[in-house]
Amino acid sequence: MELRKHPLSDYDVISFVNNKFHILLSSDTVNSHLHALEADGLIKGDGAQGKKVYTLTEHGRETAVAFLNSKDKILGLILNLFVGA
């Protein structure tokens, strides 16, 4: 998770996703998700030099850790739903 390492702007998010997954997201799509994450208290936006950069809040860090710790359980659930055990 890049936001755990350093703050990101909407452009940084678009570039990261494009470089890693070869998917080009629109700025509207990214910004709507960033605003939702901010509204939920998971990230905090700060305007600097004409662009807004986002950092994880403490609640966001805790949520990220909980998600990473649960990913095997989530994957198992999805596999059971679609493939069967």
C-alpha atoms as a PDB file:
ATOM      1  CA  MET A   1       0.000   0.000   0.000  1.00  0.00           C
ATOM      2  CA  GLU A   2       1.652   3.125  -1.192  1.00  0.00           C
ATOM      3  CA  LEU A   3      -0.194   5.465   1.184  1.00  0.00           C
ATOM      4  CA  ARG A   4       1.419   3.679   4.113  1.00  0.00           C
ATOM      5  CA  LYS A   5       4.802   4.758   2.725  1.00  0.00           C
ATOM      6  CA  HIS A   6       4.204   8.396   1.795  1.00  0.00           C
ATOM      7  CA  PRO A   7       1.499  10.930   0.911  1.00  0.00           C
ATOM      8  CA  LEU A   8      -0.046  10.710  -2.569  1.00  0.00           C
ATOM      9  CA  SER A   9      -1.962  13.081  -4.813  1.00  0.00           C
ATOM     10  CA  ASP A  10      -4.759  11.977  -7.121  1.00  0.00           C
ATOM     11  CA  TYR A  11      -2.253  12.032  -9.989  1.00  0.00           C
ATOM     12  CA  ASP A  12       0.126   9.819  -7.984  1.00  0.00           C
ATOM     13  CA  VAL A  13      -2.689   7.293  -7.468  1.00  0.00           C
ATOM     14  CA  ILE A  14      -3.541   7.286 -11.182  1.00  0.00           C
ATOM     15  CA  SER A  15       0.138   6.827 -12.108  1.00  0.00           C
ATOM     16  CA  PHE A  16       0.650   4.057  -9.544  1.00  0.00           C
ATOM     17  CA  VAL A  17      -2.368   2.052 -10.756  1.00  0.00           C
ATOM     18  CA  ASN A  18      -1.403   2.579 -14.396  1.00  0.00           C
ATOM     19  CA  ASN A  19       2.225   1.537 -13.840  1.00  0.00           C
ATOM     20  CA  LYS A  20       1.393  -1.478 -11.686  1.00  0.00           C
ATOM     21  CA  PHE A  21      -1.764  -2.822 -13.377  1.00  0.00           C
ATOM     22  CA  HIS A  22      -1.768  -1.116 -16.812  1.00  0.00           C
ATOM     23  CA  ILE A  23      -5.194   0.358 -16.097  1.00  0.00           C
ATOM     24  CA  LEU A  24      -5.814   4.041 -16.714  1.00  0.00           C
ATOM     25  CA  LEU A  25      -8.315   5.448 -14.235  1.00  0.00           C
ATOM     26  CA  SER A  26     -10.020   8.787 -14.763  1.00  0.00           C
ATOM     27  CA  SER A  27      -9.311  11.582 -12.328  1.00  0.00           C
ATOM     28  CA  ASP A  28     -13.058  11.771 -11.569  1.00  0.00           C
ATOM     29  CA  THR A  29     -13.078   8.121 -10.517  1.00  0.00           C
ATOM     30  CA  VAL A  30     -10.002   8.461  -8.339  1.00  0.00           C
ATOM     31  CA  ASN A  31     -11.154  11.726  -6.762  1.00  0.00           C
ATOM     32  CA  SER A  32     -14.587  10.349  -5.901  1.00  0.00           C
ATOM     33  CA  HIS A  33     -12.966   7.409  -4.100  1.00  0.00           C
ATOM     34  CA  LEU A  34     -10.436   9.647  -2.352  1.00  0.00           C
ATOM     35  CA  HIS A  35     -13.254  11.897  -1.130  1.00  0.00           C
ATOM     36  CA  ALA A  36     -15.190   8.861   0.139  1.00  0.00           C
ATOM     37  CA  LEU A  37     -12.128   7.559   2.002  1.00  0.00           C
ATOM     38  CA  GLU A  38     -11.613  11.007   3.474  1.00  0.00           C
ATOM     39  CA  ALA A  39     -15.276  11.229   4.534  1.00  0.00           C
ATOM     40  CA  ASP A  40     -14.886   7.850   6.263  1.00  0.00           C
ATOM     41  CA  GLY A  41     -11.856   9.153   8.162  1.00  0.00           C
ATOM     42  CA  LEU A  42      -9.406   6.721   6.553  1.00  0.00           C
ATOM     43  CA  ILE A  43      -7.296   9.380   4.830  1.00  0.00           C
ATOM     44  CA  LYS A  44      -6.716  13.094   5.307  1.00  0.00           C
ATOM     45  CA  GLY A  45      -6.251  15.512   2.433  1.00  0.00           C
ATOM     46  CA  ASP A  46      -3.984  18.525   2.689  1.00  0.00           C
ATOM     47  CA  GLY A  47      -3.702  21.192   0.006  1.00  0.00           C
ATOM     48  CA  ALA A  48      -0.103  22.011  -0.768  1.00  0.00           C
ATOM     49  CA  GLN A  49       1.318  23.969  -3.708  1.00  0.00           C
ATOM     50  CA  GLY A  50      -1.938  23.882  -5.652  1.00  0.00           C
ATOM     51  CA  LYS A  51      -2.549  20.152  -5.290  1.00  0.00           C
ATOM     52  CA  LYS A  52      -4.111  18.067  -2.571  1.00  0.00           C
ATOM     53  CA  VAL A  53      -2.067  15.235  -1.113  1.00  0.00           C
ATOM     54  CA  TYR A  54      -3.500  12.467   1.018  1.00  0.00           C
ATOM     55  CA  THR A  55      -2.067  10.620   3.996  1.00  0.00           C
ATOM     56  CA  LEU A  56      -3.440   7.747   6.037  1.00  0.00           C
ATOM     57  CA  THR A  57      -5.038   8.636   9.336  1.00  0.00           C
ATOM     58  CA  GLU A  58      -4.520   6.471  12.398  1.00  0.00           C
ATOM     59  CA  HIS A  59      -7.925   4.906  11.705  1.00  0.00           C
ATOM     60  CA  GLY A  60      -6.776   4.290   8.114  1.00  0.00           C
ATOM     61  CA  ARG A  61      -3.589   2.583   9.303  1.00  0.00           C
ATOM     62  CA  GLU A  62      -5.555   0.357  11.680  1.00  0.00           C
ATOM     63  CA  THR A  63      -8.008  -0.517   8.912  1.00  0.00           C
ATOM     64  CA  ALA A  64      -5.179  -1.315   6.475  1.00  0.00           C
ATOM     65  CA  VAL A  65      -3.492  -3.583   9.025  1.00  0.00           C
ATOM     66  CA  ALA A  66      -6.783  -5.348   9.777  1.00  0.00           C
ATOM     67  CA  PHE A  67      -7.430  -5.842   6.064  1.00  0.00           C
ATOM     68  CA  LEU A  68      -3.922  -7.184   5.421  1.00  0.00           C
ATOM     69  CA  ASN A  69      -4.275  -9.554   8.372  1.00  0.00           C
ATOM     70  CA  SER A  70      -7.619 -10.792   7.018  1.00  0.00           C
ATOM     71  CA  LYS A  71      -6.735 -11.150   3.328  1.00  0.00           C
ATOM     72  CA  ASP A  72      -6.235 -14.932   3.524  1.00  0.00           C
ATOM     73  CA  LYS A  73      -9.651 -15.357   5.145  1.00  0.00           C
ATOM     74  CA  ILE A  74     -11.253 -13.115   2.525  1.00  0.00           C
ATOM     75  CA  LEU A  75      -9.569 -15.020  -0.308  1.00  0.00           C
ATOM     76  CA  GLY A  76     -10.731 -18.327   1.195  1.00  0.00           C
ATOM     77  CA  LEU A  77     -14.298 -17.058   1.407  1.00  0.00           C
ATOM     78  CA  ILE A  78     -14.247 -15.899  -2.220  1.00  0.00           C
ATOM     79  CA  LEU A  79     -12.772 -19.187  -3.388  1.00  0.00           C
ATOM     80  CA  ASN A  80     -15.437 -21.126  -1.487  1.00  0.00           C
ATOM     81  CA  LEU A  81     -18.174 -18.970  -3.009  1.00  0.00           C
ATOM     82  CA  PHE A  82     -17.026 -19.339  -6.597  1.00  0.00           C
ATOM     83  CA  VAL A  83     -15.095 -22.594  -6.721  1.00  0.00           C
ATOM     84  CA  GLY A  84     -16.428 -24.600  -3.804  1.00  0.00           C
ATOM     85  CA  ALA A  85     -14.481 -26.501  -1.203  1.00  0.00           C
END
